[in-house]
C-alpha atoms as a PDB file:
ATOM      1  CA  MET A   1     -36.715 121.772 107.893  1.00  0.00           C
ATOM      2  CA  PRO A   2     -38.170 119.408 110.587  1.00  0.00           C
ATOM      3  CA  LYS A   3     -36.722 115.694 110.163  1.00  0.00           C
ATOM      4  CA  ARG A   4     -39.360 113.536 109.493  1.00  0.00           C
ATOM      5  CA  LYS A   5     -40.095 110.240 111.738  1.00  0.00           C
ATOM      6  CA  ILE A   6     -40.330 106.948 109.560  1.00  0.00           C
ATOM      7  CA  HIS A   7     -42.680 104.353 110.999  1.00  0.00           C
ATOM      8  CA  ALA A   8     -42.004 100.835 109.589  1.00  0.00           C
ATOM      9  CA  GLU A   9     -43.352  97.390 110.932  1.00  0.00           C
ATOM     10  CA  VAL A  10     -40.633  95.245 111.189  1.00  0.00           C
ATOM     11  CA  ARG A  11     -41.348  91.153 110.769  1.00  0.00           C
ATOM     12  CA  PRO A  12     -39.780  88.706 112.092  1.00  0.00           C
ATOM     13  CA  ILE A  13     -37.912  86.637 109.160  1.00  0.00           C
ATOM     14  CA  GLU A  14     -38.652  82.368 109.364  1.00  0.00           C
ATOM     15  CA  LYS A  15     -35.812  80.591 108.845  1.00  0.00           C
ATOM     16  CA  MET A  16     -35.551  78.314 105.980  1.00  0.00           C
ATOM     17  CA  TRP A  17     -33.067  76.176 107.627  1.00  0.00           C
ATOM     18  CA  LEU A  18     -32.530  74.952 110.909  1.00  0.00           C
ATOM     19  CA  SER A  19     -29.188  73.753 112.768  1.00  0.00           C
ATOM     20  CA  ASN A  20     -28.792  70.454 114.090  1.00  0.00           C
ATOM     21  CA  ARG A  21     -29.499  71.863 117.910  1.00  0.00           C
ATOM     22  CA  GLU A  22     -32.246  73.877 116.464  1.00  0.00           C
ATOM     23  CA  ALA A  23     -33.598  70.780 114.725  1.00  0.00           C
ATOM     24  CA  LYS A  24     -33.766  69.341 117.986  1.00  0.00           C
ATOM     25  CA  VAL A  25     -35.648  71.505 120.334  1.00  0.00           C
ATOM     26  CA  TYR A  26     -38.020  71.589 116.617  1.00  0.00           C
ATOM     27  CA  LEU A  27     -38.970  68.251 117.080  1.00  0.00           C
ATOM     28  CA  ASP A  28     -38.061  67.638 120.512  1.00  0.00           C
ATOM     29  CA  CYS A  29     -35.516  64.447 119.645  1.00  0.00           C
ATOM     30  CA  GLU A  30     -32.172  63.583 119.807  1.00  0.00           C
ATOM     31  CA  ASP A  31     -29.056  63.104 117.453  1.00  0.00           C
ATOM     32  CA  GLU A  32     -30.038  59.789 116.778  1.00  0.00           C
ATOM     33  CA  TYR A  33     -33.559  59.931 115.499  1.00  0.00           C
ATOM     34  CA  LEU A  34     -32.027  63.089 112.893  1.00  0.00           C
ATOM     35  CA  LYS A  35     -29.460  60.926 111.806  1.00  0.00           C
ATOM     36  CA  LYS A  36     -32.224  58.404 111.043  1.00  0.00           C
ATOM     37  CA  LEU A  37     -34.665  61.007 109.291  1.00  0.00           C
ATOM     38  CA  ARG A  38     -31.065  61.645 107.098  1.00  0.00           C
ATOM     39  CA  ASP A  39     -30.208  57.837 106.591  1.00  0.00           C
ATOM     40  CA  ASN A  40     -33.840  57.329 105.097  1.00  0.00           C
ATOM     41  CA  ALA A  41     -34.105  60.147 103.438  1.00  0.00           C
ATOM     42  CA  ASN A  42     -37.181  61.903 105.467  1.00  0.00           C
ATOM     43  CA  VAL A  43     -36.312  65.478 105.765  1.00  0.00           C
ATOM     44  CA  THR A  44     -33.512  67.456 103.432  1.00  0.00           C
ATOM     45  CA  PHE A  45     -30.572  68.518 104.984  1.00  0.00           C
ATOM     46  CA  ALA A  46     -26.914  69.924 103.992  1.00  0.00           C
ATOM     47  CA  ARG A  47     -23.497  68.981 105.074  1.00  0.00           C
ATOM     48  CA  ASP A  48     -20.748  71.279 105.133  1.00  0.00           C
ATOM     49  CA  GLY A  49     -17.799  69.299 107.112  1.00  0.00           C
ATOM     50  CA  LYS A  50     -19.424  68.290 110.482  1.00  0.00           C
ATOM     51  CA  LYS A  51     -21.890  71.046 110.354  1.00  0.00           C
ATOM     52  CA  ILE A  52     -25.408  69.944 108.723  1.00  0.00           C
ATOM     53  CA  MET A  53     -28.029  72.274 108.767  1.00  0.00           C
ATOM     54  CA  TYR A  54     -31.975  70.568 107.883  1.00  0.00           C
ATOM     55  CA  LEU A  55     -34.540  72.449 105.495  1.00  0.00           C
ATOM     56  CA  LYS A  56     -37.308  73.351 107.909  1.00  0.00           C
ATOM     57  CA  SER A  57     -39.952  72.974 105.254  1.00  0.00           C
ATOM     58  CA  SER A  58     -39.037  69.247 104.908  1.00  0.00           C
ATOM     59  CA  ILE A  59     -39.024  68.879 108.781  1.00  0.00           C
ATOM     60  CA  ASP A  60     -42.291  70.244 108.510  1.00  0.00           C
ATOM     61  CA  GLU A  61     -43.375  68.203 105.286  1.00  0.00           C
ATOM     62  CA  TYR A  62     -42.302  65.097 107.084  1.00  0.00           C
ATOM     63  CA  LEU A  63     -44.892  65.983 110.102  1.00  0.00           C
ATOM     64  CA  VAL A  64     -48.233  66.062 108.318  1.00  0.00           C
ATOM     65  CA  SER A  65     -47.128  62.609 106.026  1.00  0.00           C
ATOM     66  CA  ILE A  66     -46.635  61.233 109.493  1.00  0.00           C
ATOM     67  CA  SER A  67     -49.733  62.713 111.200  1.00  0.00           C
ATOM     68  CA  ILE A  68     -53.013  60.678 112.070  1.00  0.00           C
ATOM     69  CA  ARG A  69     -55.656  62.490 110.917  1.00  0.00           C
ATOM     70  CA  ALA A  70     -58.904  62.856 113.611  1.00  0.00           C
ATOM     71  CA  PHE A  71     -61.913  61.677 112.908  1.00  0.00           C
ATOM     72  CA  ARG A  72     -65.210  61.936 113.920  1.00  0.00           C
ATOM     73  CA  ARG A  73     -67.924  58.955 114.778  1.00  0.00           C
END
């Protein structure tokens, strides 16, 4: 009996948590700006020793909260 080939679609998994480096790239910012966001409780983060991880959805929510809505004249 011949082997059947299984065809499956592989979908990329969106990360929930971003490392400090990934968050800096995502926001195009420096360490000081991320520290300000943490200090002002603008984003959700987790700390394990010196490693800091940021909840990506909280970064997205923060960006929406500070965005300026365009309007038509």
